[in-house]
Amino acid sequence: MAKPEHVKRALEIFSDELSRMKNVVGLGRVPSEKSPGDWDLAVYVAKKIPEDLIKKADLVPKVLEIPGRGGSHKVNTQVIEQGVVELEKMEKL
């Protein structure tokens, strides 16, 4: 379904919108679980929450459509539980 360049374009188009969603801690590109050889847009969350407990505005779409020559391309998303992401203080050497 999606080649690496499709996922890269989807990140360019949707990263601001996805990053503003509650619980989202990062974005990336991962191999597709459903279609070997294809790629998905990874949405890393602090904790996975059942869909029925998430506000519609914070629900990650299962598929994103990006414009392309000759039509649009569909990019699947994968929601991956990452845990809380915090910056660590670095000790001076």
PDB file of N, CA and C in Angstrom:
ATOM      1  N   MET A   1       0.823  -1.187   0.000  1.00  0.00           N
ATOM      2  CA  MET A   1       0.000   0.000   0.000  1.00  0.00           C
ATOM      3  C   MET A   1       0.871   1.257   0.000  1.00  0.00           C
ATOM      4  N   ALA A   2       1.771   1.405   0.969  1.00  0.00           N
ATOM      5  CA  ALA A   2       2.545   2.648   1.063  1.00  0.00           C
ATOM      6  C   ALA A   2       4.040   2.377   0.976  1.00  0.00           C
ATOM      7  N   LYS A   3       4.685   3.167   0.163  1.00  0.00           N
ATOM      8  CA  LYS A   3       6.138   3.130   0.037  1.00  0.00           C
ATOM      9  C   LYS A   3       6.725   4.119   1.045  1.00  0.00           C
ATOM     10  N   PRO A   4       8.038   4.014   1.328  1.00  0.00           N
ATOM     11  CA  PRO A   4       8.645   4.942   2.295  1.00  0.00           C
ATOM     12  C   PRO A   4       8.391   6.416   1.955  1.00  0.00           C
ATOM     13  N   GLU A   5       8.423   6.757   0.671  1.00  0.00           N
ATOM     14  CA  GLU A   5       8.198   8.162   0.302  1.00  0.00           C
ATOM     15  C   GLU A   5       6.763   8.612   0.574  1.00  0.00           C
ATOM     16  N   HIS A   6       5.800   7.681   0.526  1.00  0.00           N
ATOM     17  CA  HIS A   6       4.415   8.030   0.858  1.00  0.00           C
ATOM     18  C   HIS A   6       4.299   8.352   2.346  1.00  0.00           C
ATOM     19  N   VAL A   7       4.969   7.545   3.172  1.00  0.00           N
ATOM     20  CA  VAL A   7       4.923   7.782   4.621  1.00  0.00           C
ATOM     21  C   VAL A   7       5.630   9.098   4.948  1.00  0.00           C
ATOM     22  N   LYS A   8       6.744   9.355   4.286  1.00  0.00           N
ATOM     23  CA  LYS A   8       7.463  10.619   4.511  1.00  0.00           C
ATOM     24  C   LYS A   8       6.555  11.801   4.182  1.00  0.00           C
ATOM     25  N   ARG A   9       5.839  11.709   3.068  1.00  0.00           N
ATOM     26  CA  ARG A   9       4.926  12.796   2.666  1.00  0.00           C
ATOM     27  C   ARG A   9       3.781  12.926   3.676  1.00  0.00           C
ATOM     28  N   ALA A  10       3.253  11.796   4.148  1.00  0.00           N
ATOM     29  CA  ALA A  10       2.184  11.833   5.150  1.00  0.00           C
ATOM     30  C   ALA A  10       2.671  12.499   6.431  1.00  0.00           C
ATOM     31  N   LEU A  11       3.918  12.224   6.818  1.00  0.00           N
ATOM     32  CA  LEU A  11       4.480  12.882   8.004  1.00  0.00           C
ATOM     33  C   LEU A  11       4.577  14.387   7.794  1.00  0.00           C
ATOM     34  N   GLU A  12       4.981  14.799   6.595  1.00  0.00           N
ATOM     35  CA  GLU A  12       5.074  16.234   6.292  1.00  0.00           C
ATOM     36  C   GLU A  12       3.705  16.906   6.389  1.00  0.00           C
ATOM     37  N   ILE A  13       2.680  16.227   5.901  1.00  0.00           N
ATOM     38  CA  ILE A  13       1.333  16.810   5.861  1.00  0.00           C
ATOM     39  C   ILE A  13       0.643  16.753   7.221  1.00  0.00           C
ATOM     40  N   PHE A  14       0.751  15.624   7.923  1.00  0.00           N
ATOM     41  CA  PHE A  14      -0.071  15.385   9.117  1.00  0.00           C
ATOM     42  C   PHE A  14       0.663  15.481  10.449  1.00  0.00           C
ATOM     43  N   SER A  15       1.972  15.728  10.460  1.00  0.00           N
ATOM     44  CA  SER A  15       2.709  15.681  11.735  1.00  0.00           C
ATOM     45  C   SER A  15       2.201  16.696  12.752  1.00  0.00           C
ATOM     46  N   ASP A  16       1.895  17.917  12.319  1.00  0.00           N
ATOM     47  CA  ASP A  16       1.405  18.920  13.283  1.00  0.00           C
ATOM     48  C   ASP A  16       0.084  18.481  13.905  1.00  0.00           C
ATOM     49  N   GLU A  17      -0.834  18.026  13.070  1.00  0.00           N
ATOM     50  CA  GLU A  17      -2.147  17.595  13.543  1.00  0.00           C
ATOM     51  C   GLU A  17      -2.037  16.401  14.489  1.00  0.00           C
ATOM     52  N   LEU A  18      -1.254  15.403  14.116  1.00  0.00           N
ATOM     53  CA  LEU A  18      -1.105  14.211  14.948  1.00  0.00           C
ATOM     54  C   LEU A  18      -0.375  14.527  16.250  1.00  0.00           C
ATOM     55  N   SER A  19       0.631  15.385  16.190  1.00  0.00           N
ATOM     56  CA  SER A  19       1.425  15.724  17.386  1.00  0.00           C
ATOM     57  C   SER A  19       0.606  16.461  18.438  1.00  0.00           C
ATOM     58  N   ARG A  20      -0.436  17.164  18.017  1.00  0.00           N
ATOM     59  CA  ARG A  20      -1.277  17.907  18.965  1.00  0.00           C
ATOM     60  C   ARG A  20      -2.262  17.011  19.713  1.00  0.00           C
ATOM     61  N   MET A  21      -2.426  15.779  19.260  1.00  0.00           N
ATOM     62  CA  MET A  21      -3.381  14.881  19.916  1.00  0.00           C
ATOM     63  C   MET A  21      -2.875  14.486  21.296  1.00  0.00           C
ATOM     64  N   LYS A  22      -3.823  14.381  22.242  1.00  0.00           N
ATOM     65  CA  LYS A  22      -3.453  13.962  23.595  1.00  0.00           C
ATOM     66  C   LYS A  22      -2.840  12.577  23.536  1.00  0.00           C
ATOM     67  N   ASN A  23      -1.852  12.343  24.360  1.00  0.00           N
ATOM     68  CA  ASN A  23      -1.238  11.036  24.530  1.00  0.00           C
ATOM     69  C   ASN A  23      -0.161  10.731  23.484  1.00  0.00           C
ATOM     70  N   VAL A  24      -0.060  11.518  22.405  1.00  0.00           N
ATOM     71  CA  VAL A  24       0.941  11.255  21.371  1.00  0.00           C
ATOM     72  C   VAL A  24       2.295  11.784  21.836  1.00  0.00           C
ATOM     73  N   VAL A  25       3.329  10.914  21.762  1.00  0.00           N
ATOM     74  CA  VAL A  25       4.666  11.310  22.201  1.00  0.00           C
ATOM     75  C   VAL A  25       5.689  11.277  21.067  1.00  0.00           C
ATOM     76  N   GLY A  26       5.281  10.789  19.891  1.00  0.00           N
ATOM     77  CA  GLY A  26       6.219  10.755  18.763  1.00  0.00           C
ATOM     78  C   GLY A  26       5.598  10.178  17.513  1.00  0.00           C
ATOM     79  N   LEU A  27       6.298  10.378  16.387  1.00  0.00           N
ATOM     80  CA  LEU A  27       5.846   9.891  15.081  1.00  0.00           C
ATOM     81  C   LEU A  27       7.029   9.267  14.358  1.00  0.00           C
ATOM     82  N   GLY A  28       6.755   8.360  13.454  1.00  0.00           N
ATOM     83  CA  GLY A  28       7.832   7.744  12.699  1.00  0.00           C
ATOM     84  C   GLY A  28       7.304   6.867  11.579  1.00  0.00           C
ATOM     85  N   ARG A  29       8.200   6.028  11.060  1.00  0.00           N
ATOM     86  CA  ARG A  29       7.857   5.119   9.960  1.00  0.00           C
ATOM     87  C   ARG A  29       8.268   3.710  10.388  1.00  0.00           C
ATOM     88  N   VAL A  30       7.358   2.757  10.201  1.00  0.00           N
ATOM     89  CA  VAL A  30       7.630   1.365  10.580  1.00  0.00           C
ATOM     90  C   VAL A  30       7.155   0.428   9.477  1.00  0.00           C
ATOM     91  N   PRO A  31       7.777  -0.765   9.390  1.00  0.00           N
ATOM     92  CA  PRO A  31       7.287  -1.751   8.428  1.00  0.00           C
ATOM     93  C   PRO A  31       5.831  -2.120   8.737  1.00  0.00           C
ATOM     94  N   SER A  32       5.051  -2.331   7.706  1.00  0.00           N
ATOM     95  CA  SER A  32       3.647  -2.684   7.870  1.00  0.00           C
ATOM     96  C   SER A  32       3.506  -4.062   8.491  1.00  0.00           C
ATOM     97  N   GLU A  33       2.569  -4.192   9.438  1.00  0.00           N
ATOM     98  CA  GLU A  33       2.274  -5.490  10.033  1.00  0.00           C
ATOM     99  C   GLU A  33       1.342  -6.294   9.128  1.00  0.00           C
ATOM    100  N   LYS A  34       0.555  -5.588   8.306  1.00  0.00           N
ATOM    101  CA  LYS A  34      -0.456  -6.235   7.474  1.00  0.00           C
ATOM    102  C   LYS A  34       0.043  -6.582   6.078  1.00  0.00           C
ATOM    103  N   SER A  35       0.964  -5.788   5.540  1.00  0.00           N
ATOM    104  CA  SER A  35       1.424  -5.969   4.162  1.00  0.00           C
ATOM    105  C   SER A  35       2.946  -5.979   4.117  1.00  0.00           C
ATOM    106  N   PRO A  36       3.562  -7.155   4.154  1.00  0.00           N
ATOM    107  CA  PRO A  36       5.024  -7.215   4.090  1.00  0.00           C
ATOM    108  C   PRO A  36       5.571  -6.459   2.875  1.00  0.00           C
ATOM    109  N   GLY A  37       6.618  -5.689   3.095  1.00  0.00           N
ATOM    110  CA  GLY A  37       7.213  -4.884   2.034  1.00  0.00           C
ATOM    111  C   GLY A  37       6.668  -3.465   1.981  1.00  0.00           C
ATOM    112  N   ASP A  38       5.557  -3.213   2.670  1.00  0.00           N
ATOM    113  CA  ASP A  38       4.983  -1.868   2.727  1.00  0.00           C
ATOM    114  C   ASP A  38       5.348  -1.209   4.054  1.00  0.00           C
ATOM    115  N   TRP A  39       5.023   0.075   4.161  1.00  0.00           N
ATOM    116  CA  TRP A  39       5.356   0.858   5.345  1.00  0.00           C
ATOM    117  C   TRP A  39       4.120   1.547   5.900  1.00  0.00           C
ATOM    118  N   ASP A  40       4.115   1.778   7.211  1.00  0.00           N
ATOM    119  CA  ASP A  40       3.040   2.492   7.900  1.00  0.00           C
ATOM    120  C   ASP A  40       3.615   3.695   8.623  1.00  0.00           C
ATOM    121  N   LEU A  41       2.745   4.640   8.927  1.00  0.00           N
ATOM    122  CA  LEU A  41       3.112   5.784   9.755  1.00  0.00           C
ATOM    123  C   LEU A  41       2.880   5.371  11.205  1.00  0.00           C
ATOM    124  N   ALA A  42       3.922   5.416  12.010  1.00  0.00           N
ATOM    125  CA  ALA A  42       3.827   5.046  13.426  1.00  0.00           C
ATOM    126  C   ALA A  42       3.449   6.263  14.255  1.00  0.00           C
ATOM    127  N   VAL A  43       2.452   6.084  15.106  1.00  0.00           N
ATOM    128  CA  VAL A  43       2.055   7.115  16.065  1.00  0.00           C
ATOM    129  C   VAL A  43       2.334   6.517  17.442  1.00  0.00           C
ATOM    130  N   TYR A  44       3.371   7.039  18.103  1.00  0.00           N
ATOM    131  CA  TYR A  44       3.756   6.545  19.415  1.00  0.00           C
ATOM    132  C   TYR A  44       2.956   7.281  20.487  1.00  0.00           C
ATOM    133  N   VAL A  45       2.363   6.509  21.400  1.00  0.00           N
ATOM    134  CA  VAL A  45       1.553   7.096  22.464  1.00  0.00           C
ATOM    135  C   VAL A  45       2.124   6.701  23.821  1.00  0.00           C
ATOM    136  N   ALA A  46       1.839   7.531  24.831  1.00  0.00           N
ATOM    137  CA  ALA A  46       2.309   7.221  26.183  1.00  0.00           C
ATOM    138  C   ALA A  46       1.664   5.929  26.676  1.00  0.00           C
ATOM    139  N   LYS A  47       0.366   5.769  26.386  1.00  0.00           N
ATOM    140  CA  LYS A  47      -0.350   4.564  26.796  1.00  0.00           C
ATOM    141  C   LYS A  47      -1.507   4.342  25.833  1.00  0.00           C
ATOM    142  N   LYS A  48      -1.695   3.093  25.403  1.00  0.00           N
ATOM    143  CA  LYS A  48      -2.838   2.766  24.553  1.00  0.00           C
ATOM    144  C   LYS A  48      -4.107   2.823  25.389  1.00  0.00           C
ATOM    145  N   ILE A  49      -5.128   3.438  24.818  1.00  0.00           N
ATOM    146  CA  ILE A  49      -6.413   3.607  25.493  1.00  0.00           C
ATOM    147  C   ILE A  49      -7.488   3.049  24.559  1.00  0.00           C
ATOM    148  N   PRO A  50      -8.491   2.344  25.086  1.00  0.00           N
ATOM    149  CA  PRO A  50      -9.562   1.843  24.223  1.00  0.00           C
ATOM    150  C   PRO A  50     -10.224   2.985  23.430  1.00  0.00           C
ATOM    151  N   GLU A  51     -10.542   2.717  22.173  1.00  0.00           N
ATOM    152  CA  GLU A  51     -11.097   3.756  21.285  1.00  0.00           C
ATOM    153  C   GLU A  51     -12.341   4.414  21.853  1.00  0.00           C
ATOM    154  N   ASP A  52     -13.182   3.643  22.540  1.00  0.00           N
ATOM    155  CA  ASP A  52     -14.434   4.209  23.052  1.00  0.00           C
ATOM    156  C   ASP A  52     -14.213   5.187  24.215  1.00  0.00           C
ATOM    157  N   LEU A  53     -12.976   5.269  24.729  1.00  0.00           N
ATOM    158  CA  LEU A  53     -12.667   6.206  25.816  1.00  0.00           C
ATOM    159  C   LEU A  53     -11.900   7.439  25.323  1.00  0.00           C
ATOM    160  N   ILE A  54     -11.685   7.523  24.009  1.00  0.00           N
ATOM    161  CA  ILE A  54     -10.917   8.626  23.440  1.00  0.00           C
ATOM    162  C   ILE A  54     -11.861   9.601  22.741  1.00  0.00           C
ATOM    163  N   LYS A  55     -11.647  10.892  22.971  1.00  0.00           N
ATOM    164  CA  LYS A  55     -12.427  11.903  22.258  1.00  0.00           C
ATOM    165  C   LYS A  55     -12.139  11.787  20.774  1.00  0.00           C
ATOM    166  N   LYS A  56     -13.137  12.043  19.954  1.00  0.00           N
ATOM    167  CA  LYS A  56     -12.992  11.912  18.501  1.00  0.00           C
ATOM    168  C   LYS A  56     -11.810  12.724  17.973  1.00  0.00           C
ATOM    169  N   ALA A  57     -11.591  13.909  18.532  1.00  0.00           N
ATOM    170  CA  ALA A  57     -10.493  14.782  18.084  1.00  0.00           C
ATOM    171  C   ALA A  57      -9.120  14.175  18.372  1.00  0.00           C
ATOM    172  N   ASP A  58      -9.042  13.250  19.318  1.00  0.00           N
ATOM    173  CA  ASP A  58      -7.765  12.642  19.696  1.00  0.00           C
ATOM    174  C   ASP A  58      -7.620  11.204  19.200  1.00  0.00           C
ATOM    175  N   LEU A  59      -8.543  10.763  18.358  1.00  0.00           N
ATOM    176  CA  LEU A  59      -8.498   9.415  17.817  1.00  0.00           C
ATOM    177  C   LEU A  59      -7.645   9.401  16.552  1.00  0.00           C
ATOM    178  N   VAL A  60      -6.597   8.596  16.546  1.00  0.00           N
ATOM    179  CA  VAL A  60      -5.688   8.510  15.402  1.00  0.00           C
ATOM    180  C   VAL A  60      -6.418   7.800  14.259  1.00  0.00           C
ATOM    181  N   PRO A  61      -6.475   8.429  13.073  1.00  0.00           N
ATOM    182  CA  PRO A  61      -7.127   7.768  11.940  1.00  0.00           C
ATOM    183  C   PRO A  61      -6.380   6.482  11.569  1.00  0.00           C
ATOM    184  N   LYS A  62      -7.115   5.473  11.146  1.00  0.00           N
ATOM    185  CA  LYS A  62      -6.493   4.200  10.747  1.00  0.00           C
ATOM    186  C   LYS A  62      -5.777   4.347   9.409  1.00  0.00           C
ATOM    187  N   VAL A  63      -6.251   5.252   8.562  1.00  0.00           N
ATOM    188  CA  VAL A  63      -5.669   5.476   7.236  1.00  0.00           C
ATOM    189  C   VAL A  63      -5.614   6.977   6.967  1.00  0.00           C
ATOM    190  N   LEU A  64      -4.489   7.423   6.407  1.00  0.00           N
ATOM    191  CA  LEU A  64      -4.329   8.813   5.972  1.00  0.00           C
ATOM    192  C   LEU A  64      -4.228   8.818   4.449  1.00  0.00           C
ATOM    193  N   GLU A  65      -4.839   9.807   3.806  1.00  0.00           N
ATOM    194  CA  GLU A  65      -4.736   9.920   2.348  1.00  0.00           C
ATOM    195  C   GLU A  65      -3.864  11.110   2.004  1.00  0.00           C
ATOM    196  N   ILE A  66      -2.905  10.853   1.121  1.00  0.00           N
ATOM    197  CA  ILE A  66      -2.030  11.931   0.673  1.00  0.00           C
ATOM    198  C   ILE A  66      -2.214  12.117  -0.827  1.00  0.00           C
ATOM    199  N   PRO A  67      -2.183  13.361  -1.293  1.00  0.00           N
ATOM    200  CA  PRO A  67      -2.333  13.600  -2.729  1.00  0.00           C
ATOM    201  C   PRO A  67      -1.096  13.124  -3.479  1.00  0.00           C
ATOM    202  N   GLY A  68      -1.321  12.682  -4.696  1.00  0.00           N
ATOM    203  CA  GLY A  68      -0.205  12.248  -5.528  1.00  0.00           C
ATOM    204  C   GLY A  68      -0.566  12.344  -6.994  1.00  0.00           C
ATOM    205  N   ARG A  69       0.431  12.184  -7.829  1.00  0.00           N
ATOM    206  CA  ARG A  69       0.170  12.198  -9.262  1.00  0.00           C
ATOM    207  C   ARG A  69      -0.709  11.015  -9.620  1.00  0.00           C
ATOM    208  N   GLY A  70      -1.751  11.275 -10.362  1.00  0.00           N
ATOM    209  CA  GLY A  70      -2.637  10.197 -10.780  1.00  0.00           C
ATOM    210  C   GLY A  70      -3.585   9.723  -9.696  1.00  0.00           C
ATOM    211  N   GLY A  71      -3.691  10.462  -8.612  1.00  0.00           N
ATOM    212  CA  GLY A  71      -4.606  10.090  -7.536  1.00  0.00           C
ATOM    213  C   GLY A  71      -3.938  10.128  -6.180  1.00  0.00           C
ATOM    214  N   SER A  72      -4.726   9.804  -5.171  1.00  0.00           N
ATOM    215  CA  SER A  72      -4.191   9.845  -3.816  1.00  0.00           C
ATOM    216  C   SER A  72      -3.601   8.493  -3.425  1.00  0.00           C
ATOM    217  N   HIS A  73      -2.774   8.511  -2.385  1.00  0.00           N
ATOM    218  CA  HIS A  73      -2.163   7.297  -1.835  1.00  0.00           C
ATOM    219  C   HIS A  73      -2.652   7.142  -0.401  1.00  0.00           C
ATOM    220  N   LYS A  74      -2.923   5.905  -0.017  1.00  0.00           N
ATOM    221  CA  LYS A  74      -3.357   5.633   1.347  1.00  0.00           C
ATOM    222  C   LYS A  74      -2.170   5.143   2.168  1.00  0.00           C
ATOM    223  N   VAL A  75      -2.070   5.685   3.372  1.00  0.00           N
ATOM    224  CA  VAL A  75      -1.007   5.300   4.304  1.00  0.00           C
ATOM    225  C   VAL A  75      -1.682   4.830   5.589  1.00  0.00           C
ATOM    226  N   ASN A  76      -1.454   3.580   5.956  1.00  0.00           N
ATOM    227  CA  ASN A  76      -1.995   3.054   7.216  1.00  0.00           C
ATOM    228  C   ASN A  76      -1.214   3.624   8.390  1.00  0.00           C
ATOM    229  N   THR A  77      -1.871   3.702   9.536  1.00  0.00           N
ATOM    230  CA  THR A  77      -1.187   4.117  10.761  1.00  0.00           C
ATOM    231  C   THR A  77      -1.104   2.920  11.708  1.00  0.00           C
ATOM    232  N   GLN A  78      -0.084   2.938  12.536  1.00  0.00           N
ATOM    233  CA  GLN A  78       0.046   1.979  13.637  1.00  0.00           C
ATOM    234  C   GLN A  78       0.198   2.784  14.919  1.00  0.00           C
ATOM    235  N   VAL A  79      -0.660   2.514  15.879  1.00  0.00           N
ATOM    236  CA  VAL A  79      -0.529   3.156  17.187  1.00  0.00           C
ATOM    237  C   VAL A  79       0.307   2.219  18.055  1.00  0.00           C
ATOM    238  N   ILE A  80       1.425   2.743  18.555  1.00  0.00           N
ATOM    239  CA  ILE A  80       2.386   1.938  19.307  1.00  0.00           C
ATOM    240  C   ILE A  80       2.583   2.554  20.692  1.00  0.00           C
ATOM    241  N   GLU A  81       2.373   1.743  21.726  1.00  0.00           N
ATOM    242  CA  GLU A  81       2.570   2.234  23.094  1.00  0.00           C
ATOM    243  C   GLU A  81       4.063   2.369  23.370  1.00  0.00           C
ATOM    244  N   GLN A  82       4.475   3.594  23.686  1.00  0.00           N
ATOM    245  CA  GLN A  82       5.882   3.920  23.905  1.00  0.00           C
ATOM    246  C   GLN A  82       6.178   4.139  25.379  1.00  0.00           C
ATOM    247  N   GLY A  83       5.204   4.604  26.113  1.00  0.00           N
ATOM    248  CA  GLY A  83       5.440   5.016  27.486  1.00  0.00           C
ATOM    249  C   GLY A  83       5.699   6.517  27.514  1.00  0.00           C
ATOM    250  N   VAL A  84       5.789   7.057  28.687  1.00  0.00           N
ATOM    251  CA  VAL A  84       6.017   8.488  28.840  1.00  0.00           C
ATOM    252  C   VAL A  84       7.441   8.827  28.406  1.00  0.00           C
ATOM    253  N   VAL A  85       7.578   9.890  27.648  1.00  0.00           N
ATOM    254  CA  VAL A  85       8.891  10.337  27.178  1.00  0.00           C
ATOM    255  C   VAL A  85       9.270  11.585  27.966  1.00  0.00           C
ATOM    256  N   GLU A  86      10.424  11.532  28.617  1.00  0.00           N
ATOM    257  CA  GLU A  86      10.905  12.672  29.400  1.00  0.00           C
ATOM    258  C   GLU A  86      12.343  12.971  29.034  1.00  0.00           C
ATOM    259  N   LEU A  87      12.714  14.223  29.137  1.00  0.00           N
ATOM    260  CA  LEU A  87      14.096  14.614  28.926  1.00  0.00           C
ATOM    261  C   LEU A  87      14.892  14.308  30.183  1.00  0.00           C
ATOM    262  N   GLU A  88      16.082  13.792  30.001  1.00  0.00           N
ATOM    263  CA  GLU A  88      16.952  13.524  31.146  1.00  0.00           C
ATOM    264  C   GLU A  88      17.985  14.617  31.256  1.00  0.00           C
ATOM    265  N   LYS A  89      18.335  14.945  32.491  1.00  0.00           N
ATOM    266  CA  LYS A  89      19.406  15.914  32.699  1.00  0.00           C
ATOM    267  C   LYS A  89      20.728  15.210  32.452  1.00  0.00           C
ATOM    268  N   MET A  90      21.612  15.907  31.778  1.00  0.00           N
ATOM    269  CA  MET A  90      22.939  15.348  31.542  1.00  0.00           C
ATOM    270  C   MET A  90      23.883  15.890  32.599  1.00  0.00           C
ATOM    271  N   GLU A  91      24.670  15.005  33.148  1.00  0.00           N
ATOM    272  CA  GLU A  91      25.641  15.422  34.142  1.00  0.00           C
ATOM    273  C   GLU A  91      26.831  16.050  33.446  1.00  0.00           C
ATOM    274  N   LYS A  92      27.385  17.060  34.079  1.00  0.00           N
ATOM    275  CA  LYS A  92      28.595  17.677  33.510  1.00  0.00           C
ATOM    276  C   LYS A  92      29.766  16.739  33.752  1.00  0.00           C
ATOM    277  N   LEU A  93      30.594  16.656  32.761  1.00  0.00           N
ATOM    278  CA  LEU A  93      31.781  15.778  32.868  1.00  0.00           C
ATOM    279  C   LEU A  93      32.905  16.449  33.580  1.00  0.00           C
TER     280      LEU A  93
END
